[in-house]
Every structure is written in C-alpha cells, then in structure tokens.
PDB file of N, CA and C in Angstrom:
ATOM      1  N   MET A   1      -9.466 -12.138 -17.007  1.00  0.00           N
ATOM      2  CA  MET A   1      -8.653 -12.679 -15.937  1.00  0.00           C
ATOM      3  C   MET A   1      -9.206 -14.044 -15.561  1.00  0.00           C
ATOM      4  N   THR A   2      -8.344 -15.024 -15.540  1.00  0.00           N
ATOM      5  CA  THR A   2      -8.739 -16.367 -15.179  1.00  0.00           C
ATOM      6  C   THR A   2      -7.840 -16.858 -14.057  1.00  0.00           C
ATOM      7  N   ASN A   3      -8.432 -17.136 -12.898  1.00  0.00           N
ATOM      8  CA  ASN A   3      -7.680 -17.631 -11.750  1.00  0.00           C
ATOM      9  C   ASN A   3      -6.489 -16.750 -11.388  1.00  0.00           C
ATOM     10  N   GLY A   4      -6.651 -15.451 -11.468  1.00  0.00           N
ATOM     11  CA  GLY A   4      -5.604 -14.535 -11.051  1.00  0.00           C
ATOM     12  C   GLY A   4      -4.462 -14.392 -12.035  1.00  0.00           C
ATOM     13  N   VAL A   5      -4.597 -14.870 -13.268  1.00  0.00           N
ATOM     14  CA  VAL A   5      -3.515 -14.766 -14.236  1.00  0.00           C
ATOM     15  C   VAL A   5      -3.971 -13.910 -15.414  1.00  0.00           C
ATOM     16  N   VAL A   6      -3.204 -12.866 -15.705  1.00  0.00           N
ATOM     17  CA  VAL A   6      -3.489 -11.991 -16.836  1.00  0.00           C
ATOM     18  C   VAL A   6      -2.234 -11.920 -17.690  1.00  0.00           C
ATOM     19  N   LYS A   7      -2.326 -12.352 -18.939  1.00  0.00           N
ATOM     20  CA  LYS A   7      -1.203 -12.295 -19.877  1.00  0.00           C
ATOM     21  C   LYS A   7       0.085 -12.831 -19.260  1.00  0.00           C
ATOM     22  N   GLY A   8       0.032 -13.957 -18.606  1.00  0.00           N
ATOM     23  CA  GLY A   8       1.229 -14.564 -18.032  1.00  0.00           C
ATOM     24  C   GLY A   8       1.671 -13.970 -16.708  1.00  0.00           C
ATOM     25  N   VAL A   9       0.944 -12.981 -16.210  1.00  0.00           N
ATOM     26  CA  VAL A   9       1.292 -12.355 -14.930  1.00  0.00           C
ATOM     27  C   VAL A   9       0.364 -12.919 -13.862  1.00  0.00           C
ATOM     28  N   HIS A  10       0.939 -13.458 -12.826  1.00  0.00           N
ATOM     29  CA  HIS A  10       0.166 -14.020 -11.720  1.00  0.00           C
ATOM     30  C   HIS A  10      -0.111 -12.904 -10.709  1.00  0.00           C
ATOM     31  N   THR A  11      -1.386 -12.601 -10.460  1.00  0.00           N
ATOM     32  CA  THR A  11      -1.775 -11.536  -9.541  1.00  0.00           C
ATOM     33  C   THR A  11      -1.946 -12.090  -8.135  1.00  0.00           C
ATOM     34  N   LEU A  12      -1.290 -11.429  -7.189  1.00  0.00           N
ATOM     35  CA  LEU A  12      -1.335 -11.841  -5.787  1.00  0.00           C
ATOM     36  C   LEU A  12      -1.983 -10.746  -4.945  1.00  0.00           C
ATOM     37  N   VAL A  13      -2.680 -11.135  -3.906  1.00  0.00           N
ATOM     38  CA  VAL A  13      -3.267 -10.184  -2.964  1.00  0.00           C
ATOM     39  C   VAL A  13      -2.403 -10.217  -1.708  1.00  0.00           C
ATOM     40  N   PRO A  14      -1.688  -9.130  -1.424  1.00  0.00           N
ATOM     41  CA  PRO A  14      -0.800  -9.145  -0.264  1.00  0.00           C
ATOM     42  C   PRO A  14      -1.577  -9.178   1.053  1.00  0.00           C
ATOM     43  N   ALA A  15      -1.000  -9.867   2.022  1.00  0.00           N
ATOM     44  CA  ALA A  15      -1.568  -9.857   3.369  1.00  0.00           C
ATOM     45  C   ALA A  15      -1.442  -8.440   3.918  1.00  0.00           C
ATOM     46  N   VAL A  16      -2.391  -8.035   4.737  1.00  0.00           N
ATOM     47  CA  VAL A  16      -2.396  -6.662   5.240  1.00  0.00           C
ATOM     48  C   VAL A  16      -2.812  -6.632   6.707  1.00  0.00           C
ATOM     49  N   ASP A  17      -2.236  -5.699   7.435  1.00  0.00           N
ATOM     50  CA  ASP A  17      -2.647  -5.375   8.802  1.00  0.00           C
ATOM     51  C   ASP A  17      -2.982  -3.894   8.809  1.00  0.00           C
ATOM     52  N   ILE A  18      -4.128  -3.549   9.387  1.00  0.00           N
ATOM     53  CA  ILE A  18      -4.524  -2.145   9.508  1.00  0.00           C
ATOM     54  C   ILE A  18      -4.787  -1.861  10.979  1.00  0.00           C
ATOM     55  N   VAL A  19      -4.128  -0.815  11.474  1.00  0.00           N
ATOM     56  CA  VAL A  19      -4.274  -0.428  12.871  1.00  0.00           C
ATOM     57  C   VAL A  19      -4.695   1.038  12.911  1.00  0.00           C
ATOM     58  N   GLU A  20      -5.722   1.326  13.707  1.00  0.00           N
ATOM     59  CA  GLU A  20      -6.140   2.717  13.900  1.00  0.00           C
ATOM     60  C   GLU A  20      -5.584   3.213  15.220  1.00  0.00           C
ATOM     61  N   THR A  21      -4.895   4.356  15.170  1.00  0.00           N
ATOM     62  CA  THR A  21      -4.430   5.015  16.383  1.00  0.00           C
ATOM     63  C   THR A  21      -5.244   6.292  16.557  1.00  0.00           C
ATOM     64  N   LYS A  22      -4.950   7.027  17.602  1.00  0.00           N
ATOM     65  CA  LYS A  22      -5.665   8.279  17.849  1.00  0.00           C
ATOM     66  C   LYS A  22      -5.463   9.270  16.705  1.00  0.00           C
ATOM     67  N   ASN A  23      -4.274   9.265  16.088  1.00  0.00           N
ATOM     68  CA  ASN A  23      -3.927  10.262  15.079  1.00  0.00           C
ATOM     69  C   ASN A  23      -3.872   9.757  13.645  1.00  0.00           C
ATOM     70  N   SER A  24      -3.912   8.422  13.448  1.00  0.00           N
ATOM     71  CA  SER A  24      -3.710   7.918  12.093  1.00  0.00           C
ATOM     72  C   SER A  24      -4.218   6.490  11.918  1.00  0.00           C
ATOM     73  N   TYR A  25      -4.180   6.062  10.657  1.00  0.00           N
ATOM     74  CA  TYR A  25      -4.389   4.661  10.296  1.00  0.00           C
ATOM     75  C   TYR A  25      -3.045   4.165   9.771  1.00  0.00           C
ATOM     76  N   ILE A  26      -2.613   3.007  10.217  1.00  0.00           N
ATOM     77  CA  ILE A  26      -1.352   2.443   9.765  1.00  0.00           C
ATOM     78  C   ILE A  26      -1.666   1.166   8.993  1.00  0.00           C
ATOM     79  N   VAL A  27      -1.269   1.150   7.712  1.00  0.00           N
ATOM     80  CA  VAL A  27      -1.537   0.027   6.825  1.00  0.00           C
ATOM     81  C   VAL A  27      -0.204  -0.645   6.516  1.00  0.00           C
ATOM     82  N   LYS A  28      -0.093  -1.940   6.835  1.00  0.00           N
ATOM     83  CA  LYS A  28       1.130  -2.694   6.549  1.00  0.00           C
ATOM     84  C   LYS A  28       0.794  -3.814   5.575  1.00  0.00           C
ATOM     85  N   LEU A  29       1.494  -3.807   4.434  1.00  0.00           N
ATOM     86  CA  LEU A  29       1.274  -4.813   3.399  1.00  0.00           C
ATOM     87  C   LEU A  29       2.540  -5.647   3.229  1.00  0.00           C
ATOM     88  N   ASP A  30       2.375  -6.961   3.158  1.00  0.00           N
ATOM     89  CA  ASP A  30       3.494  -7.866   2.905  1.00  0.00           C
ATOM     90  C   ASP A  30       3.696  -7.972   1.398  1.00  0.00           C
ATOM     91  N   ILE A  31       4.851  -7.480   0.925  1.00  0.00           N
ATOM     92  CA  ILE A  31       5.164  -7.516  -0.503  1.00  0.00           C
ATOM     93  C   ILE A  31       6.585  -8.059  -0.671  1.00  0.00           C
ATOM     94  N   PRO A  32       6.816  -9.307  -0.283  1.00  0.00           N
ATOM     95  CA  PRO A  32       8.170  -9.847  -0.372  1.00  0.00           C
ATOM     96  C   PRO A  32       8.654  -9.967  -1.814  1.00  0.00           C
ATOM     97  N   GLY A  33       9.928  -9.660  -2.003  1.00  0.00           N
ATOM     98  CA  GLY A  33      10.527  -9.797  -3.322  1.00  0.00           C
ATOM     99  C   GLY A  33      10.368  -8.595  -4.223  1.00  0.00           C
ATOM    100  N   ALA A  34       9.592  -7.599  -3.809  1.00  0.00           N
ATOM    101  CA  ALA A  34       9.388  -6.415  -4.650  1.00  0.00           C
ATOM    102  C   ALA A  34      10.524  -5.419  -4.434  1.00  0.00           C
ATOM    103  N   ALA A  35      10.996  -4.845  -5.524  1.00  0.00           N
ATOM    104  CA  ALA A  35      11.972  -3.765  -5.433  1.00  0.00           C
ATOM    105  C   ALA A  35      11.231  -2.470  -5.137  1.00  0.00           C
ATOM    106  N   LYS A  36      11.829  -1.627  -4.323  1.00  0.00           N
ATOM    107  CA  LYS A  36      11.181  -0.378  -3.913  1.00  0.00           C
ATOM    108  C   LYS A  36      10.715   0.450  -5.113  1.00  0.00           C
ATOM    109  N   ASP A  37      11.509   0.477  -6.184  1.00  0.00           N
ATOM    110  CA  ASP A  37      11.143   1.286  -7.347  1.00  0.00           C
ATOM    111  C   ASP A  37      10.047   0.655  -8.204  1.00  0.00           C
ATOM    112  N   LYS A  38       9.623  -0.567  -7.878  1.00  0.00           N
ATOM    113  CA  LYS A  38       8.546  -1.238  -8.614  1.00  0.00           C
ATOM    114  C   LYS A  38       7.216  -1.188  -7.864  1.00  0.00           C
ATOM    115  N   ILE A  39       7.207  -0.501  -6.718  1.00  0.00           N
ATOM    116  CA  ILE A  39       5.982  -0.380  -5.914  1.00  0.00           C
ATOM    117  C   ILE A  39       5.307   0.948  -6.231  1.00  0.00           C
ATOM    118  N   LYS A  40       3.999   0.907  -6.460  1.00  0.00           N
ATOM    119  CA  LYS A  40       3.222   2.117  -6.702  1.00  0.00           C
ATOM    120  C   LYS A  40       2.108   2.188  -5.672  1.00  0.00           C
ATOM    121  N   ALA A  41       1.991   3.347  -5.035  1.00  0.00           N
ATOM    122  CA  ALA A  41       0.892   3.607  -4.109  1.00  0.00           C
ATOM    123  C   ALA A  41       0.298   4.939  -4.507  1.00  0.00           C
ATOM    124  N   GLN A  42      -1.014   4.974  -4.665  1.00  0.00           N
ATOM    125  CA  GLN A  42      -1.651   6.212  -5.074  1.00  0.00           C
ATOM    126  C   GLN A  42      -3.039   6.348  -4.462  1.00  0.00           C
ATOM    127  N   ILE A  43      -3.441   7.604  -4.318  1.00  0.00           N
ATOM    128  CA  ILE A  43      -4.772   7.941  -3.826  1.00  0.00           C
ATOM    129  C   ILE A  43      -5.569   8.452  -5.021  1.00  0.00           C
ATOM    130  N   GLU A  44      -6.735   7.861  -5.237  1.00  0.00           N
ATOM    131  CA  GLU A  44      -7.604   8.313  -6.315  1.00  0.00           C
ATOM    132  C   GLU A  44      -9.042   7.954  -5.961  1.00  0.00           C
ATOM    133  N   ASP A  45      -9.937   8.899  -6.157  1.00  0.00           N
ATOM    134  CA  ASP A  45     -11.363   8.680  -5.887  1.00  0.00           C
ATOM    135  C   ASP A  45     -11.608   8.128  -4.483  1.00  0.00           C
ATOM    136  N   ASN A  46     -10.927   8.715  -3.499  1.00  0.00           N
ATOM    137  CA  ASN A  46     -11.069   8.325  -2.093  1.00  0.00           C
ATOM    138  C   ASN A  46     -10.701   6.862  -1.843  1.00  0.00           C
ATOM    139  N   SER A  47      -9.765   6.357  -2.652  1.00  0.00           N
ATOM    140  CA  SER A  47      -9.264   4.991  -2.486  1.00  0.00           C
ATOM    141  C   SER A  47      -7.745   4.998  -2.476  1.00  0.00           C
ATOM    142  N   LEU A  48      -7.171   4.091  -1.715  1.00  0.00           N
ATOM    143  CA  LEU A  48      -5.735   3.856  -1.713  1.00  0.00           C
ATOM    144  C   LEU A  48      -5.494   2.611  -2.550  1.00  0.00           C
ATOM    145  N   ARG A  49      -4.683   2.748  -3.604  1.00  0.00           N
ATOM    146  CA  ARG A  49      -4.358   1.618  -4.471  1.00  0.00           C
ATOM    147  C   ARG A  49      -2.863   1.336  -4.376  1.00  0.00           C
ATOM    148  N   VAL A  50      -2.540   0.079  -4.128  1.00  0.00           N
ATOM    149  CA  VAL A  50      -1.139  -0.330  -4.032  1.00  0.00           C
ATOM    150  C   VAL A  50      -0.910  -1.468  -5.015  1.00  0.00           C
ATOM    151  N   SER A  51       0.179  -1.359  -5.770  1.00  0.00           N
ATOM    152  CA  SER A  51       0.557  -2.440  -6.673  1.00  0.00           C
ATOM    153  C   SER A  51       2.081  -2.526  -6.715  1.00  0.00           C
ATOM    154  N   ALA A  52       2.569  -3.714  -7.026  1.00  0.00           N
ATOM    155  CA  ALA A  52       4.007  -3.930  -7.162  1.00  0.00           C
ATOM    156  C   ALA A  52       4.222  -5.078  -8.127  1.00  0.00           C
ATOM    157  N   SER A  53       5.144  -4.885  -9.060  1.00  0.00           N
ATOM    158  CA  SER A  53       5.436  -5.953 -10.014  1.00  0.00           C
ATOM    159  C   SER A  53       6.778  -6.582  -9.675  1.00  0.00           C
ATOM    160  N   ILE A  54       6.850  -7.881  -9.890  1.00  0.00           N
ATOM    161  CA  ILE A  54       8.077  -8.626  -9.627  1.00  0.00           C
ATOM    162  C   ILE A  54       8.462  -9.351 -10.901  1.00  0.00           C
ATOM    163  N   ALA A  55       9.656  -9.073 -11.358  1.00  0.00           N
ATOM    164  CA  ALA A  55      10.158  -9.718 -12.563  1.00  0.00           C
ATOM    165  C   ALA A  55      11.184 -10.775 -12.174  1.00  0.00           C
ATOM    166  N   GLU A  56      11.357 -11.737 -13.044  1.00  0.00           N
ATOM    167  CA  GLU A  56      12.413 -12.720 -12.841  1.00  0.00           C
ATOM    168  C   GLU A  56      13.603 -12.303 -13.686  1.00  0.00           C
ATOM    169  N   TYR A  57      14.749 -12.827 -13.336  1.00  0.00           N
ATOM    170  CA  TYR A  57      15.954 -12.504 -14.082  1.00  0.00           C
ATOM    171  C   TYR A  57      16.396 -13.725 -14.869  1.00  0.00           C
ATOM    172  N   GLY A  58      16.733 -13.494 -16.126  1.00  0.00           N
ATOM    173  CA  GLY A  58      17.180 -14.588 -16.983  1.00  0.00           C
ATOM    174  C   GLY A  58      18.629 -14.941 -16.719  1.00  0.00           C
ATOM    175  N   GLU A  59      19.148 -15.894 -17.479  1.00  0.00           N
ATOM    176  CA  GLU A  59      20.527 -16.332 -17.314  1.00  0.00           C
ATOM    177  C   GLU A  59      21.516 -15.200 -17.575  1.00  0.00           C
ATOM    178  N   SER A  60      21.132 -14.248 -18.413  1.00  0.00           N
ATOM    179  CA  SER A  60      22.025 -13.135 -18.726  1.00  0.00           C
ATOM    180  C   SER A  60      22.022 -12.067 -17.631  1.00  0.00           C
ATOM    181  N   GLY A  61      21.174 -12.235 -16.640  1.00  0.00           N
ATOM    182  CA  GLY A  61      21.083 -11.264 -15.558  1.00  0.00           C
ATOM    183  C   GLY A  61      20.160 -10.102 -15.861  1.00  0.00           C
ATOM    184  N   LYS A  62      19.544 -10.121 -17.047  1.00  0.00           N
ATOM    185  CA  LYS A  62      18.616  -9.056 -17.407  1.00  0.00           C
ATOM    186  C   LYS A  62      17.228  -9.354 -16.867  1.00  0.00           C
ATOM    187  N   GLU A  63      16.549  -8.279 -16.479  1.00  0.00           N
ATOM    188  CA  GLU A  63      15.188  -8.400 -15.947  1.00  0.00           C
ATOM    189  C   GLU A  63      14.222  -8.738 -17.081  1.00  0.00           C
ATOM    190  N   SER A  64      13.341  -9.689 -16.819  1.00  0.00           N
ATOM    191  CA  SER A  64      12.341 -10.080 -17.819  1.00  0.00           C
ATOM    192  C   SER A  64      11.052  -9.298 -17.572  1.00  0.00           C
ATOM    193  N   GLU A  65      10.034  -9.624 -18.333  1.00  0.00           N
ATOM    194  CA  GLU A  65       8.716  -9.040 -18.098  1.00  0.00           C
ATOM    195  C   GLU A  65       8.228  -9.473 -16.717  1.00  0.00           C
ATOM    196  N   PRO A  66       7.367  -8.652 -16.091  1.00  0.00           N
ATOM    197  CA  PRO A  66       6.838  -9.048 -14.779  1.00  0.00           C
ATOM    198  C   PRO A  66       6.129 -10.397 -14.837  1.00  0.00           C
ATOM    199  N   VAL A  67       6.346 -11.214 -13.813  1.00  0.00           N
ATOM    200  CA  VAL A  67       5.679 -12.509 -13.738  1.00  0.00           C
ATOM    201  C   VAL A  67       4.693 -12.569 -12.576  1.00  0.00           C
ATOM    202  N   LYS A  68       4.870 -11.680 -11.611  1.00  0.00           N
ATOM    203  CA  LYS A  68       3.952 -11.591 -10.477  1.00  0.00           C
ATOM    204  C   LYS A  68       3.612 -10.126 -10.262  1.00  0.00           C
ATOM    205  N   GLU A  69       2.399  -9.908  -9.800  1.00  0.00           N
ATOM    206  CA  GLU A  69       1.998  -8.550  -9.465  1.00  0.00           C
ATOM    207  C   GLU A  69       1.134  -8.588  -8.211  1.00  0.00           C
ATOM    208  N   TYR A  70       1.516  -7.783  -7.232  1.00  0.00           N
ATOM    209  CA  TYR A  70       0.707  -7.615  -6.030  1.00  0.00           C
ATOM    210  C   TYR A  70      -0.257  -6.474  -6.289  1.00  0.00           C
ATOM    211  N   ARG A  71      -1.522  -6.633  -5.850  1.00  0.00           N
ATOM    212  CA  ARG A  71      -2.526  -5.579  -5.989  1.00  0.00           C
ATOM    213  C   ARG A  71      -3.440  -5.587  -4.770  1.00  0.00           C
ATOM    214  N   ARG A  72      -3.726  -4.379  -4.273  1.00  0.00           N
ATOM    215  CA  ARG A  72      -4.671  -4.241  -3.170  1.00  0.00           C
ATOM    216  C   ARG A  72      -5.255  -2.843  -3.224  1.00  0.00           C
ATOM    217  N   GLU A  73      -6.540  -2.720  -2.904  1.00  0.00           N
ATOM    218  CA  GLU A  73      -7.211  -1.423  -2.914  1.00  0.00           C
ATOM    219  C   GLU A  73      -8.052  -1.285  -1.653  1.00  0.00           C
ATOM    220  N   PHE A  74      -8.054  -0.069  -1.100  1.00  0.00           N
ATOM    221  CA  PHE A  74      -8.781   0.203   0.141  1.00  0.00           C
ATOM    222  C   PHE A  74      -9.593   1.478  -0.022  1.00  0.00           C
ATOM    223  N   ALA A  75     -10.829   1.470   0.453  1.00  0.00           N
ATOM    224  CA  ALA A  75     -11.631   2.690   0.519  1.00  0.00           C
ATOM    225  C   ALA A  75     -11.151   3.474   1.736  1.00  0.00           C
ATOM    226  N   LEU A  76     -10.991   4.771   1.577  1.00  0.00           N
ATOM    227  CA  LEU A  76     -10.506   5.611   2.669  1.00  0.00           C
ATOM    228  C   LEU A  76     -11.659   6.261   3.416  1.00  0.00           C
ATOM    229  N   ALA A  77     -11.468   6.415   4.703  1.00  0.00           N
ATOM    230  CA  ALA A  77     -12.439   7.127   5.527  1.00  0.00           C
ATOM    231  C   ALA A  77     -12.343   8.618   5.195  1.00  0.00           C
ATOM    232  N   ASN A  78     -13.408   9.350   5.482  1.00  0.00           N
ATOM    233  CA  ASN A  78     -13.428  10.789   5.193  1.00  0.00           C
ATOM    234  C   ASN A  78     -12.477  11.591   6.069  1.00  0.00           C
ATOM    235  N   ASP A  79     -11.968  10.990   7.143  1.00  0.00           N
ATOM    236  CA  ASP A  79     -11.095  11.734   8.050  1.00  0.00           C
ATOM    237  C   ASP A  79      -9.614  11.646   7.685  1.00  0.00           C
ATOM    238  N   VAL A  80      -9.266  11.017   6.555  1.00  0.00           N
ATOM    239  CA  VAL A  80      -7.862  10.880   6.146  1.00  0.00           C
ATOM    240  C   VAL A  80      -7.387  12.164   5.474  1.00  0.00           C
ATOM    241  N   ASP A  81      -6.226  12.661   5.935  1.00  0.00           N
ATOM    242  CA  ASP A  81      -5.600  13.835   5.335  1.00  0.00           C
ATOM    243  C   ASP A  81      -4.663  13.349   4.224  1.00  0.00           C
ATOM    244  N   VAL A  82      -5.101  13.457   2.987  1.00  0.00           N
ATOM    245  CA  VAL A  82      -4.321  12.915   1.860  1.00  0.00           C
ATOM    246  C   VAL A  82      -3.044  13.705   1.593  1.00  0.00           C
ATOM    247  N   ASN A  83      -2.866  14.845   2.239  1.00  0.00           N
ATOM    248  CA  ASN A  83      -1.664  15.655   2.040  1.00  0.00           C
ATOM    249  C   ASN A  83      -0.527  15.300   2.990  1.00  0.00           C
ATOM    250  N   THR A  84      -0.766  14.407   3.935  1.00  0.00           N
ATOM    251  CA  THR A  84       0.282  14.081   4.915  1.00  0.00           C
ATOM    252  C   THR A  84       0.551  12.580   5.004  1.00  0.00           C
ATOM    253  N   ILE A  85       0.421  11.878   3.903  1.00  0.00           N
ATOM    254  CA  ILE A  85       0.629  10.429   3.893  1.00  0.00           C
ATOM    255  C   ILE A  85       2.117  10.122   3.837  1.00  0.00           C
ATOM    256  N   ASP A  86       2.525   9.099   4.579  1.00  0.00           N
ATOM    257  CA  ASP A  86       3.925   8.672   4.603  1.00  0.00           C
ATOM    258  C   ASP A  86       3.983   7.202   4.236  1.00  0.00           C
ATOM    259  N   ALA A  87       4.986   6.813   3.459  1.00  0.00           N
ATOM    260  CA  ALA A  87       5.154   5.405   3.083  1.00  0.00           C
ATOM    261  C   ALA A  87       6.615   5.005   3.251  1.00  0.00           C
ATOM    262  N   GLN A  88       6.825   3.830   3.835  1.00  0.00           N
ATOM    263  CA  GLN A  88       8.167   3.273   4.049  1.00  0.00           C
ATOM    264  C   GLN A  88       8.159   1.819   3.607  1.00  0.00           C
ATOM    265  N   TYR A  89       9.253   1.363   2.997  1.00  0.00           N
ATOM    266  CA  TYR A  89       9.369  -0.035   2.576  1.00  0.00           C
ATOM    267  C   TYR A  89      10.638  -0.608   3.180  1.00  0.00           C
ATOM    268  N   ASP A  90      10.479  -1.678   3.952  1.00  0.00           N
ATOM    269  CA  ASP A  90      11.625  -2.286   4.619  1.00  0.00           C
ATOM    270  C   ASP A  90      11.386  -3.779   4.792  1.00  0.00           C
ATOM    271  N   LEU A  91      12.335  -4.574   4.364  1.00  0.00           N
ATOM    272  CA  LEU A  91      12.306  -6.027   4.541  1.00  0.00           C
ATOM    273  C   LEU A  91      11.012  -6.666   4.049  1.00  0.00           C
ATOM    274  N   GLY A  92      10.535  -6.223   2.883  1.00  0.00           N
ATOM    275  CA  GLY A  92       9.356  -6.821   2.272  1.00  0.00           C
ATOM    276  C   GLY A  92       8.028  -6.336   2.810  1.00  0.00           C
ATOM    277  N   VAL A  93       8.050  -5.334   3.693  1.00  0.00           N
ATOM    278  CA  VAL A  93       6.812  -4.800   4.266  1.00  0.00           C
ATOM    279  C   VAL A  93       6.685  -3.321   3.913  1.00  0.00           C
ATOM    280  N   LEU A  94       5.579  -2.973   3.259  1.00  0.00           N
ATOM    281  CA  LEU A  94       5.261  -1.587   2.948  1.00  0.00           C
ATOM    282  C   LEU A  94       4.362  -1.050   4.052  1.00  0.00           C
ATOM    283  N   THR A  95       4.799   0.015   4.714  1.00  0.00           N
ATOM    284  CA  THR A  95       4.019   0.636   5.786  1.00  0.00           C
ATOM    285  C   THR A  95       3.569   2.004   5.316  1.00  0.00           C
ATOM    286  N   ILE A  96       2.255   2.189   5.256  1.00  0.00           N
ATOM    287  CA  ILE A  96       1.678   3.468   4.847  1.00  0.00           C
ATOM    288  C   ILE A  96       0.946   4.053   6.044  1.00  0.00           C
ATOM    289  N   THR A  97       1.325   5.278   6.412  1.00  0.00           N
ATOM    290  CA  THR A  97       0.680   5.965   7.522  1.00  0.00           C
ATOM    291  C   THR A  97      -0.248   7.034   6.951  1.00  0.00           C
ATOM    292  N   LEU A  98      -1.523   6.864   7.227  1.00  0.00           N
ATOM    293  CA  LEU A  98      -2.556   7.793   6.766  1.00  0.00           C
ATOM    294  C   LEU A  98      -2.992   8.630   7.969  1.00  0.00           C
ATOM    295  N   ASN A  99      -2.504   9.861   8.028  1.00  0.00           N
ATOM    296  CA  ASN A  99      -2.835  10.733   9.152  1.00  0.00           C
ATOM    297  C   ASN A  99      -4.269  11.218   9.049  1.00  0.00           C
ATOM    298  N   LYS A 100      -4.874  11.433  10.209  1.00  0.00           N
ATOM    299  CA  LYS A 100      -6.238  11.946  10.252  1.00  0.00           C
ATOM    300  C   LYS A 100      -6.223  13.469  10.170  1.00  0.00           C
ATOM    301  N   LYS A 101      -7.287  14.031   9.588  1.00  0.00           N
ATOM    302  CA  LYS A 101      -7.435  15.483   9.517  1.00  0.00           C
ATOM    303  C   LYS A 101      -7.559  16.028  10.930  1.00  0.00           C
ATOM    304  N   VAL A 102      -7.005  17.214  11.141  1.00  0.00           N
ATOM    305  CA  VAL A 102      -6.986  17.828  12.467  1.00  0.00           C
ATOM    306  C   VAL A 102      -8.385  17.950  13.054  1.00  0.00           C
ATOM    307  N   GLN A 103      -9.359  18.324  12.243  1.00  0.00           N
ATOM    308  CA  GLN A 103     -10.713  18.523  12.775  1.00  0.00           C
ATOM    309  C   GLN A 103     -11.358  17.233  13.270  1.00  0.00           C
ATOM    310  N   PHE A 104     -10.790  16.071  12.908  1.00  0.00           N
ATOM    311  CA  PHE A 104     -11.345  14.793  13.360  1.00  0.00           C
ATOM    312  C   PHE A 104     -10.596  14.207  14.558  1.00  0.00           C
ATOM    313  N   LEU A 105      -9.505  14.855  14.965  1.00  0.00           N
ATOM    314  CA  LEU A 105      -8.729  14.357  16.098  1.00  0.00           C
ATOM    315  C   LEU A 105      -9.454  14.666  17.400  1.00  0.00           C
ATOM    316  N   PRO A 106      -9.304  13.788  18.388  1.00  0.00           N
ATOM    317  CA  PRO A 106      -9.929  14.076  19.684  1.00  0.00           C
ATOM    318  C   PRO A 106      -9.340  15.360  20.291  1.00  0.00           C
ATOM    319  N   LYS A 107     -10.180  16.109  20.921  1.00  0.00           N
ATOM    320  CA  LYS A 107      -9.737  17.349  21.544  1.00  0.00           C
ATOM    321  C   LYS A 107     -10.136  17.334  23.015  1.00  0.00           C
ATOM    322  N   GLU A 108      -9.159  17.604  23.833  1.00  0.00           N
ATOM    323  CA  GLU A 108      -9.395  17.667  25.278  1.00  0.00           C
ATOM    324  C   GLU A 108     -10.023  19.020  25.593  1.00  0.00           C
ATOM    325  N   ILE A 109     -11.093  18.992  26.373  1.00  0.00           N
ATOM    326  CA  ILE A 109     -11.780  20.226  26.745  1.00  0.00           C
ATOM    327  C   ILE A 109     -11.393  20.581  28.181  1.00  0.00           C
ATOM    328  N   THR A 110     -10.917  21.800  28.346  1.00  0.00           N
ATOM    329  CA  THR A 110     -10.532  22.268  29.658  1.00  0.00           C
ATOM    330  C   THR A 110     -11.776  22.758  30.392  1.00  0.00           C
ATOM    331  N   ILE A 111     -11.948  22.280  31.598  1.00  0.00           N
ATOM    332  CA  ILE A 111     -13.086  22.679  32.402  1.00  0.00           C
ATOM    333  C   ILE A 111     -12.621  23.705  33.421  1.00  0.00           C
ATOM    334  N   ASN A 112     -13.252  24.869  33.407  1.00  0.00           N
ATOM    335  CA  ASN A 112     -12.882  25.962  34.331  1.00  0.00           C
ATOM    336  C   ASN A 112     -13.713  25.911  35.580  1.00  0.00           C
TER     337      ASN A 112
END
C-alpha cells in the first residue's frame, strides 16, 4: 500500500463520532456515496470492522471495479453485547448501536 492506494483503489478513513450512553455505545461513520449493499460491518476478535466500496459507473451505465474503499476498525470494550448490535444507514451515515451487557449496566439499589 502506497499513500492509501491499493491496486487502483483509493482507501479512505471515514470520519466517526462515538457516544457512550448508559445502555450503549453509538458509533456514527460518514460514508457518503456508498450503497447500502456495499457496506460490510462485522465483529471479529473483539473488534468492529467496517468497510464500504464505491464504484464508478461508465458511459454504458454499468458499474466498474471499486475505485474508493472506506475502512475503519475499532477495538470493543468487554461490556459490549455482540448479540444485540443494530446498524442503520441513512443519508451517507452508518449508525451502529452497540448495546452493553446487562451485567455491566448501572443498577439502582433500593434502600429499606
């Protein structure tokens, strides 16, 4: 890889906002121009990996090989429940909600 280019594909690092709430982590990635079916998000080895390829269209209207690829990887905290992850894509922004495991949520203690 030289200067973010691999085999004619320009690799981009999407801007990201991460917010922690009481019940979850909310990760928002800017991926403008990506089609929903070209976005991949996966959990592996306690990491969240997100990638999306963007192809250009030729004069015939056919999709060409990808020319841009977004890539970002995040290490996950031990309190993330990988079985309840939600992802939404709208207007170029991918929002991934990583819920916390129940045992890590704050618990109110009743005093008698």
